[in-house]
Amino acid sequence: MQAHIYIMGFVQGVGYRSFVRSKAREYELMGWVKNLPDGRVEVVAQSFEANVSQGKEKLIKFIDDLKRGPFLAEVSDVVVKWEDSSVPGEPELKSYTDFIIIK
């Protein structure tokens, strides 16, 4: 189970990527976060819980935290695309072993 997330607002230059990485590690999620040239932040977060509903619950809590962001951020919108390679016809997802900031 994976969430591909785009965060809009005043989210660059305010410690947002470090905040995302910290929250991801708190929820034991894997993936990455990076700034985009258009001012958005892009996140891919995966849960490897054996129980799919528990994994999705972790991702939902993580996304709720991203909507708030760190102290200086002003999040205006969050767009989430759910991706699941166990669904027939969906492409295989890349597996990550850590949560990193892509510079």
C-alpha atoms as a PDB file:
ATOM      1  CA  MET A   1       0.000   0.000   0.000  1.00  0.00           C
ATOM      2  CA  GLN A   2       1.392   3.352  -1.043  1.00  0.00           C
ATOM      3  CA  ALA A   3       0.269   6.970  -0.959  1.00  0.00           C
ATOM      4  CA  HIS A   4       1.575   9.383  -3.600  1.00  0.00           C
ATOM      5  CA  ILE A   5       1.037  12.835  -2.109  1.00  0.00           C
ATOM      6  CA  TYR A   6       1.333  16.416  -3.353  1.00  0.00           C
ATOM      7  CA  ILE A   7       1.306  19.253  -0.823  1.00  0.00           C
ATOM      8  CA  MET A   8       0.560  22.826  -1.881  1.00  0.00           C
ATOM      9  CA  GLY A   9       0.962  26.120  -0.065  1.00  0.00           C
ATOM     10  CA  PHE A  10       3.894  27.784   1.672  1.00  0.00           C
ATOM     11  CA  VAL A  11       5.771  24.506   2.138  1.00  0.00           C
ATOM     12  CA  GLN A  12       9.308  25.149   0.885  1.00  0.00           C
ATOM     13  CA  GLY A  13      12.051  26.773   2.954  1.00  0.00           C
ATOM     14  CA  VAL A  14      10.201  26.109   6.230  1.00  0.00           C
ATOM     15  CA  GLY A  15      11.561  22.688   7.253  1.00  0.00           C
ATOM     16  CA  TYR A  16       8.673  20.831   5.661  1.00  0.00           C
ATOM     17  CA  ARG A  17      10.742  17.973   4.174  1.00  0.00           C
ATOM     18  CA  SER A  18      12.465  17.309   7.514  1.00  0.00           C
ATOM     19  CA  PHE A  19       9.045  17.359   9.188  1.00  0.00           C
ATOM     20  CA  VAL A  20       7.752  14.808   6.649  1.00  0.00           C
ATOM     21  CA  ARG A  21      10.738  12.503   7.177  1.00  0.00           C
ATOM     22  CA  SER A  22      10.370  12.708  10.963  1.00  0.00           C
ATOM     23  CA  LYS A  23       6.645  11.874  10.807  1.00  0.00           C
ATOM     24  CA  ALA A  24       7.248   9.037   8.328  1.00  0.00           C
ATOM     25  CA  ARG A  25       9.800   7.459  10.642  1.00  0.00           C
ATOM     26  CA  GLU A  26       7.421   7.915  13.584  1.00  0.00           C
ATOM     27  CA  TYR A  27       4.792   5.871  11.689  1.00  0.00           C
ATOM     28  CA  GLU A  28       7.416   3.387  10.385  1.00  0.00           C
ATOM     29  CA  LEU A  29       6.768   4.338   6.758  1.00  0.00           C
ATOM     30  CA  MET A  30       9.223   4.058   3.879  1.00  0.00           C
ATOM     31  CA  GLY A  31       9.646   6.272   0.818  1.00  0.00           C
ATOM     32  CA  TRP A  32      10.816   9.777   0.012  1.00  0.00           C
ATOM     33  CA  VAL A  33      10.019  13.497  -0.027  1.00  0.00           C
ATOM     34  CA  LYS A  34      11.227  16.225  -2.388  1.00  0.00           C
ATOM     35  CA  ASN A  35      10.590  19.839  -3.359  1.00  0.00           C
ATOM     36  CA  LEU A  36       9.173  20.467  -6.824  1.00  0.00           C
ATOM     37  CA  PRO A  37      10.122  23.463  -9.007  1.00  0.00           C
ATOM     38  CA  ASP A  38       6.525  24.765  -8.919  1.00  0.00           C
ATOM     39  CA  GLY A  39       6.592  25.196  -5.112  1.00  0.00           C
ATOM     40  CA  ARG A  40       4.802  21.970  -4.181  1.00  0.00           C
ATOM     41  CA  VAL A  41       6.249  19.129  -2.122  1.00  0.00           C
ATOM     42  CA  GLU A  42       5.936  15.552  -3.419  1.00  0.00           C
ATOM     43  CA  VAL A  43       5.870  12.530  -1.108  1.00  0.00           C
ATOM     44  CA  VAL A  44       5.753   8.779  -1.697  1.00  0.00           C
ATOM     45  CA  ALA A  45       5.010   6.855   1.497  1.00  0.00           C
ATOM     46  CA  GLN A  46       4.615   3.099   1.902  1.00  0.00           C
ATOM     47  CA  SER A  47       3.386   0.937   4.723  1.00  0.00           C
ATOM     48  CA  PHE A  48       4.434  -2.686   4.979  1.00  0.00           C
ATOM     49  CA  GLU A  49       1.990  -3.745   7.690  1.00  0.00           C
ATOM     50  CA  ALA A  50       0.836  -7.351   7.293  1.00  0.00           C
ATOM     51  CA  ASN A  51      -2.675  -6.119   8.029  1.00  0.00           C
ATOM     52  CA  VAL A  52      -3.570  -3.846   5.083  1.00  0.00           C
ATOM     53  CA  SER A  53      -6.189  -1.870   7.023  1.00  0.00           C
ATOM     54  CA  GLN A  54      -3.654  -1.096   9.784  1.00  0.00           C
ATOM     55  CA  GLY A  55      -1.160   0.021   7.157  1.00  0.00           C
ATOM     56  CA  LYS A  56      -3.700   2.312   5.525  1.00  0.00           C
ATOM     57  CA  GLU A  57      -4.641   3.715   8.940  1.00  0.00           C
ATOM     58  CA  LYS A  58      -0.973   4.646   9.547  1.00  0.00           C
ATOM     59  CA  LEU A  59      -0.843   6.349   6.161  1.00  0.00           C
ATOM     60  CA  ILE A  60      -4.053   8.275   6.882  1.00  0.00           C
ATOM     61  CA  LYS A  61      -2.670   9.531  10.217  1.00  0.00           C
ATOM     62  CA  PHE A  62       0.570  10.500   8.445  1.00  0.00           C
ATOM     63  CA  ILE A  63      -1.394  12.438   5.803  1.00  0.00           C
ATOM     64  CA  ASP A  64      -3.367  14.210   8.543  1.00  0.00           C
ATOM     65  CA  ASP A  65      -0.050  15.354  10.042  1.00  0.00           C
ATOM     66  CA  LEU A  66       1.119  16.562   6.608  1.00  0.00           C
ATOM     67  CA  LYS A  67      -2.020  18.702   6.320  1.00  0.00           C
ATOM     68  CA  ARG A  68      -0.944  20.557   9.470  1.00  0.00           C
ATOM     69  CA  GLY A  69       2.780  20.700   8.647  1.00  0.00           C
ATOM     70  CA  PRO A  70       5.520  22.249  10.778  1.00  0.00           C
ATOM     71  CA  PHE A  71       5.113  25.558  12.611  1.00  0.00           C
ATOM     72  CA  LEU A  72       6.092  27.929   9.765  1.00  0.00           C
ATOM     73  CA  ALA A  73       4.325  26.078   6.938  1.00  0.00           C
ATOM     74  CA  GLU A  74       0.957  27.080   5.524  1.00  0.00           C
ATOM     75  CA  VAL A  75      -0.613  24.086   3.772  1.00  0.00           C
ATOM     76  CA  SER A  76      -3.381  25.064   1.348  1.00  0.00           C
ATOM     77  CA  ASP A  77      -4.131  21.677  -0.223  1.00  0.00           C
ATOM     78  CA  VAL A  78      -3.078  18.024  -0.128  1.00  0.00           C
ATOM     79  CA  VAL A  79      -3.761  15.651  -3.021  1.00  0.00           C
ATOM     80  CA  VAL A  80      -3.417  11.902  -2.411  1.00  0.00           C
ATOM     81  CA  LYS A  81      -3.340   9.085  -4.953  1.00  0.00           C
ATOM     82  CA  TRP A  82      -3.598   5.620  -3.402  1.00  0.00           C
ATOM     83  CA  GLU A  83      -1.524   2.943  -5.150  1.00  0.00           C
ATOM     84  CA  ASP A  84      -1.685  -0.783  -4.430  1.00  0.00           C
ATOM     85  CA  SER A  85       0.192  -3.363  -6.507  1.00  0.00           C
ATOM     86  CA  SER A  86      -1.972  -6.161  -5.098  1.00  0.00           C
ATOM     87  CA  VAL A  87      -4.873  -4.841  -7.206  1.00  0.00           C
ATOM     88  CA  PRO A  88      -5.050  -6.627 -10.589  1.00  0.00           C
ATOM     89  CA  GLY A  89      -3.859  -4.377 -13.391  1.00  0.00           C
ATOM     90  CA  GLU A  90      -1.897  -2.026 -11.139  1.00  0.00           C
ATOM     91  CA  PRO A  91       1.867  -1.782 -11.799  1.00  0.00           C
ATOM     92  CA  GLU A  92       4.370  -3.234  -9.340  1.00  0.00           C
ATOM     93  CA  LEU A  93       5.479  -0.655  -6.779  1.00  0.00           C
ATOM     94  CA  LYS A  94       9.118   0.015  -6.000  1.00  0.00           C
ATOM     95  CA  SER A  95       9.980  -1.005  -2.426  1.00  0.00           C
ATOM     96  CA  TYR A  96      11.920   1.391  -0.214  1.00  0.00           C
ATOM     97  CA  THR A  97      13.970   0.485   2.863  1.00  0.00           C
ATOM     98  CA  ASP A  98      14.103   3.921   4.509  1.00  0.00           C
ATOM     99  CA  PHE A  99      12.465   7.322   4.286  1.00  0.00           C
ATOM    100  CA  ILE A 100      14.748   9.871   2.639  1.00  0.00           C
ATOM    101  CA  ILE A 101      14.830  13.496   1.566  1.00  0.00           C
ATOM    102  CA  ILE A 102      15.635  13.862  -2.127  1.00  0.00           C
ATOM    103  CA  LYS A 103      17.510  17.104  -2.738  1.00  0.00           C
END
